[in-house]
Amino acid sequence: MKQPYNRILICFFLFSLLPMQFLFAQNEVIALSDPIISTDQYNVYGSKMDETYSLTDLSVMDSSEFDAENRQESYFAGVLTEVCQTRGCNFYLDTGERQIRVRFLDYGFFVPTDSTGKNTVVRGGFVQKADEETGEPYFELLSSAIKIYKPL
């Protein structure tokens, strides 16, 4: 008579541990791409970046001469925010002036999911998209290289 009671307790205990697995899995860092360059100060993902580059002012997006179809690659700096927690396949870059959604050219690389809050330099070109719900146009940056600075 005592044996079924023990089995019930064991089953209850084992099933109570299942939610714990999901809680701990949420904090797991996913890094599907290795950096192509890694130093004490930063990691580079995607393709190699020039050692010297000048940052592009985002006010160019507001000018009438801005052509998103051109997709001319430029360099932008900011802080990574809202990194995709599934694969690290996109993120938002906060430049201080605006937030820009960044995707990776041909999904050729990904960033680690724990990159939120890190200073970053992104090389890429803009494409114009339309919001699926409202139809409003917005710009998205297709990146070919990303330099993520390590905390000091």
C-alpha atoms as a PDB file:
ATOM      1  CA  MET A   1       0.000   0.000   0.000  1.00  0.00           C
ATOM      2  CA  LYS A   2       2.900   2.314   0.692  1.00  0.00           C
ATOM      3  CA  GLN A   3       4.508   1.773  -2.730  1.00  0.00           C
ATOM      4  CA  PRO A   4       1.900   3.639  -4.914  1.00  0.00           C
ATOM      5  CA  TYR A   5       2.118   6.599  -2.566  1.00  0.00           C
ATOM      6  CA  ASN A   6       5.908   6.757  -3.058  1.00  0.00           C
ATOM      7  CA  ARG A   7       5.509   6.612  -6.834  1.00  0.00           C
ATOM      8  CA  ILE A   8       3.064   9.489  -6.747  1.00  0.00           C
ATOM      9  CA  LEU A   9       5.501  11.558  -4.683  1.00  0.00           C
ATOM     10  CA  ILE A  10       8.385  10.759  -7.020  1.00  0.00           C
ATOM     11  CA  CYS A  11       6.322  11.659 -10.113  1.00  0.00           C
ATOM     12  CA  PHE A  12       5.164  14.889  -8.495  1.00  0.00           C
ATOM     13  CA  PHE A  13       8.754  15.796  -7.595  1.00  0.00           C
ATOM     14  CA  LEU A  14      10.053  15.075 -11.107  1.00  0.00           C
ATOM     15  CA  PHE A  15       7.286  17.063 -12.805  1.00  0.00           C
ATOM     16  CA  SER A  16       7.847  19.985 -10.442  1.00  0.00           C
ATOM     17  CA  LEU A  17      11.457  20.191 -11.711  1.00  0.00           C
ATOM     18  CA  LEU A  18      10.438  20.644 -15.378  1.00  0.00           C
ATOM     19  CA  PRO A  19       9.578  24.365 -15.080  1.00  0.00           C
ATOM     20  CA  MET A  20      12.982  24.967 -13.475  1.00  0.00           C
ATOM     21  CA  GLN A  21      14.668  23.746 -16.653  1.00  0.00           C
ATOM     22  CA  PHE A  22      12.835  26.371 -18.708  1.00  0.00           C
ATOM     23  CA  LEU A  23      13.648  29.145 -16.235  1.00  0.00           C
ATOM     24  CA  PHE A  24      17.364  28.431 -16.412  1.00  0.00           C
ATOM     25  CA  ALA A  25      17.326  27.933 -20.192  1.00  0.00           C
ATOM     26  CA  GLN A  26      16.160  31.546 -20.687  1.00  0.00           C
ATOM     27  CA  ASN A  27      19.488  32.841 -19.353  1.00  0.00           C
ATOM     28  CA  GLU A  28      21.553  30.716 -21.707  1.00  0.00           C
ATOM     29  CA  VAL A  29      23.729  32.703 -24.114  1.00  0.00           C
ATOM     30  CA  ILE A  30      23.358  31.665 -27.743  1.00  0.00           C
ATOM     31  CA  ALA A  31      26.291  32.455 -30.035  1.00  0.00           C
ATOM     32  CA  LEU A  32      25.779  30.846 -33.443  1.00  0.00           C
ATOM     33  CA  SER A  33      28.715  32.684 -35.057  1.00  0.00           C
ATOM     34  CA  ASP A  34      32.290  32.917 -33.889  1.00  0.00           C
ATOM     35  CA  PRO A  35      33.963  36.316 -34.224  1.00  0.00           C
ATOM     36  CA  ILE A  36      36.286  36.598 -37.217  1.00  0.00           C
ATOM     37  CA  ILE A  37      38.513  38.917 -35.166  1.00  0.00           C
ATOM     38  CA  SER A  38      38.767  38.923 -31.378  1.00  0.00           C
ATOM     39  CA  THR A  39      40.923  41.289 -29.328  1.00  0.00           C
ATOM     40  CA  ASP A  40      40.955  42.376 -25.692  1.00  0.00           C
ATOM     41  CA  GLN A  41      38.782  45.346 -26.684  1.00  0.00           C
ATOM     42  CA  TYR A  42      36.276  44.030 -29.241  1.00  0.00           C
ATOM     43  CA  ASN A  43      34.940  41.189 -31.404  1.00  0.00           C
ATOM     44  CA  VAL A  44      34.169  41.539 -35.125  1.00  0.00           C
ATOM     45  CA  TYR A  45      31.410  39.468 -36.736  1.00  0.00           C
ATOM     46  CA  GLY A  46      30.620  39.141 -40.437  1.00  0.00           C
ATOM     47  CA  SER A  47      33.358  40.417 -42.706  1.00  0.00           C
ATOM     48  CA  LYS A  48      36.563  42.287 -41.893  1.00  0.00           C
ATOM     49  CA  MET A  49      36.199  45.994 -41.125  1.00  0.00           C
ATOM     50  CA  ASP A  50      38.587  48.727 -42.202  1.00  0.00           C
ATOM     51  CA  GLU A  51      40.949  49.854 -39.456  1.00  0.00           C
ATOM     52  CA  THR A  52      40.075  53.483 -40.180  1.00  0.00           C
ATOM     53  CA  TYR A  53      36.579  54.588 -41.018  1.00  0.00           C
ATOM     54  CA  SER A  54      34.404  57.639 -40.569  1.00  0.00           C
ATOM     55  CA  LEU A  55      30.986  57.400 -39.002  1.00  0.00           C
ATOM     56  CA  THR A  56      27.966  58.494 -41.020  1.00  0.00           C
ATOM     57  CA  ASP A  57      25.605  61.075 -39.567  1.00  0.00           C
ATOM     58  CA  LEU A  58      22.047  59.730 -39.520  1.00  0.00           C
ATOM     59  CA  SER A  59      20.622  63.119 -40.441  1.00  0.00           C
ATOM     60  CA  VAL A  60      21.403  62.067 -44.022  1.00  0.00           C
ATOM     61  CA  MET A  61      18.282  59.876 -43.805  1.00  0.00           C
ATOM     62  CA  ASP A  62      16.135  62.980 -43.426  1.00  0.00           C
ATOM     63  CA  SER A  63      17.481  64.717 -46.522  1.00  0.00           C
ATOM     64  CA  SER A  64      15.707  64.602 -49.864  1.00  0.00           C
ATOM     65  CA  GLU A  65      18.847  63.174 -51.488  1.00  0.00           C
ATOM     66  CA  PHE A  66      18.793  60.028 -49.332  1.00  0.00           C
ATOM     67  CA  ASP A  67      18.367  56.998 -51.581  1.00  0.00           C
ATOM     68  CA  ALA A  68      17.671  53.750 -49.712  1.00  0.00           C
ATOM     69  CA  GLU A  69      17.807  51.826 -52.975  1.00  0.00           C
ATOM     70  CA  ASN A  70      21.474  52.766 -53.357  1.00  0.00           C
ATOM     71  CA  ARG A  71      22.435  50.686 -50.293  1.00  0.00           C
ATOM     72  CA  GLN A  72      25.795  52.380 -50.068  1.00  0.00           C
ATOM     73  CA  GLU A  73      27.675  50.893 -47.129  1.00  0.00           C
ATOM     74  CA  SER A  74      28.469  53.286 -44.311  1.00  0.00           C
ATOM     75  CA  TYR A  75      29.567  53.032 -40.682  1.00  0.00           C
ATOM     76  CA  PHE A  76      27.235  53.754 -37.759  1.00  0.00           C
ATOM     77  CA  ALA A  77      27.925  53.683 -34.016  1.00  0.00           C
ATOM     78  CA  GLY A  78      25.589  53.129 -31.119  1.00  0.00           C
ATOM     79  CA  VAL A  79      24.481  50.778 -28.386  1.00  0.00           C
ATOM     80  CA  LEU A  80      22.954  47.375 -29.102  1.00  0.00           C
ATOM     81  CA  THR A  81      19.419  47.073 -27.766  1.00  0.00           C
ATOM     82  CA  GLU A  82      16.778  44.364 -28.057  1.00  0.00           C
ATOM     83  CA  VAL A  83      18.917  41.531 -29.448  1.00  0.00           C
ATOM     84  CA  CYS A  84      16.902  38.593 -30.843  1.00  0.00           C
ATOM     85  CA  GLN A  85      17.025  36.011 -28.054  1.00  0.00           C
ATOM     86  CA  THR A  86      16.316  33.053 -30.328  1.00  0.00           C
ATOM     87  CA  ARG A  87      19.399  33.196 -32.564  1.00  0.00           C
ATOM     88  CA  GLY A  88      20.903  36.681 -32.357  1.00  0.00           C
ATOM     89  CA  CYS A  89      19.701  37.248 -35.932  1.00  0.00           C
ATOM     90  CA  ASN A  90      18.810  40.944 -35.541  1.00  0.00           C
ATOM     91  CA  PHE A  91      18.891  43.790 -33.055  1.00  0.00           C
ATOM     92  CA  TYR A  92      18.163  47.471 -32.635  1.00  0.00           C
ATOM     93  CA  LEU A  93      20.984  50.009 -32.659  1.00  0.00           C
ATOM     94  CA  ASP A  94      20.400  53.100 -30.512  1.00  0.00           C
ATOM     95  CA  THR A  95      22.482  55.903 -32.014  1.00  0.00           C
ATOM     96  CA  GLY A  96      21.238  58.585 -29.650  1.00  0.00           C
ATOM     97  CA  GLU A  97      19.288  60.145 -32.537  1.00  0.00           C
ATOM     98  CA  ARG A  98      17.074  57.154 -33.309  1.00  0.00           C
ATOM     99  CA  GLN A  99      16.668  53.411 -33.068  1.00  0.00           C
ATOM    100  CA  ILE A 100      17.525  51.428 -36.191  1.00  0.00           C
ATOM    101  CA  ARG A 101      16.616  47.816 -36.814  1.00  0.00           C
ATOM    102  CA  VAL A 102      19.688  45.888 -37.987  1.00  0.00           C
ATOM    103  CA  ARG A 103      19.621  42.578 -39.860  1.00  0.00           C
ATOM    104  CA  PHE A 104      22.541  40.692 -41.317  1.00  0.00           C
ATOM    105  CA  LEU A 105      23.232  40.487 -45.020  1.00  0.00           C
ATOM    106  CA  ASP A 106      22.015  37.082 -46.256  1.00  0.00           C
ATOM    107  CA  TYR A 107      21.939  35.928 -42.600  1.00  0.00           C
ATOM    108  CA  GLY A 108      25.650  35.285 -43.019  1.00  0.00           C
ATOM    109  CA  PHE A 109      26.373  35.704 -39.302  1.00  0.00           C
ATOM    110  CA  PHE A 110      24.724  36.275 -35.931  1.00  0.00           C
ATOM    111  CA  VAL A 111      25.600  38.128 -32.724  1.00  0.00           C
ATOM    112  CA  PRO A 112      25.625  36.593 -29.234  1.00  0.00           C
ATOM    113  CA  THR A 113      22.307  36.985 -27.449  1.00  0.00           C
ATOM    114  CA  ASP A 114      24.022  38.637 -24.462  1.00  0.00           C
ATOM    115  CA  SER A 115      25.191  41.632 -26.536  1.00  0.00           C
ATOM    116  CA  THR A 116      22.495  44.019 -25.292  1.00  0.00           C
ATOM    117  CA  GLY A 117      23.934  47.239 -23.886  1.00  0.00           C
ATOM    118  CA  LYS A 118      27.317  46.982 -25.600  1.00  0.00           C
ATOM    119  CA  ASN A 119      28.860  49.756 -27.704  1.00  0.00           C
ATOM    120  CA  THR A 120      28.935  48.796 -31.355  1.00  0.00           C
ATOM    121  CA  VAL A 121      30.063  49.928 -34.791  1.00  0.00           C
ATOM    122  CA  VAL A 122      27.992  48.589 -37.685  1.00  0.00           C
ATOM    123  CA  ARG A 123      28.881  48.627 -41.385  1.00  0.00           C
ATOM    124  CA  GLY A 124      25.936  48.329 -43.723  1.00  0.00           C
ATOM    125  CA  GLY A 125      23.495  49.902 -46.130  1.00  0.00           C
ATOM    126  CA  PHE A 126      19.880  50.943 -45.645  1.00  0.00           C
ATOM    127  CA  VAL A 127      16.850  49.393 -47.285  1.00  0.00           C
ATOM    128  CA  GLN A 128      13.343  50.781 -47.107  1.00  0.00           C
ATOM    129  CA  LYS A 129      10.603  48.495 -45.773  1.00  0.00           C
ATOM    130  CA  ALA A 130       6.905  48.864 -45.070  1.00  0.00           C
ATOM    131  CA  ASP A 131       5.350  48.044 -41.704  1.00  0.00           C
ATOM    132  CA  GLU A 132       3.193  44.919 -42.076  1.00  0.00           C
ATOM    133  CA  GLU A 133       0.348  46.324 -39.966  1.00  0.00           C
ATOM    134  CA  THR A 134       0.276  50.009 -40.881  1.00  0.00           C
ATOM    135  CA  GLY A 135       2.030  50.074 -44.247  1.00  0.00           C
ATOM    136  CA  GLU A 136       4.179  52.959 -42.983  1.00  0.00           C
ATOM    137  CA  PRO A 137       7.685  53.043 -44.484  1.00  0.00           C
ATOM    138  CA  TYR A 138      10.721  52.578 -42.286  1.00  0.00           C
ATOM    139  CA  PHE A 139      14.415  51.981 -42.842  1.00  0.00           C
ATOM    140  CA  GLU A 140      16.327  48.868 -41.910  1.00  0.00           C
ATOM    141  CA  LEU A 141      20.099  48.470 -41.947  1.00  0.00           C
ATOM    142  CA  LEU A 142      21.503  45.398 -43.709  1.00  0.00           C
ATOM    143  CA  SER A 143      24.839  44.810 -42.037  1.00  0.00           C
ATOM    144  CA  SER A 144      27.873  43.095 -43.515  1.00  0.00           C
ATOM    145  CA  ALA A 145      30.103  43.577 -40.440  1.00  0.00           C
ATOM    146  CA  ILE A 146      29.707  44.412 -36.764  1.00  0.00           C
ATOM    147  CA  LYS A 147      32.296  45.376 -34.166  1.00  0.00           C
ATOM    148  CA  ILE A 148      31.067  44.792 -30.608  1.00  0.00           C
ATOM    149  CA  TYR A 149      33.167  46.370 -27.880  1.00  0.00           C
ATOM    150  CA  LYS A 150      33.819  44.396 -24.709  1.00  0.00           C
ATOM    151  CA  PRO A 151      33.089  45.978 -21.326  1.00  0.00           C
ATOM    152  CA  LEU A 152      36.142  47.500 -19.656  1.00  0.00           C
END
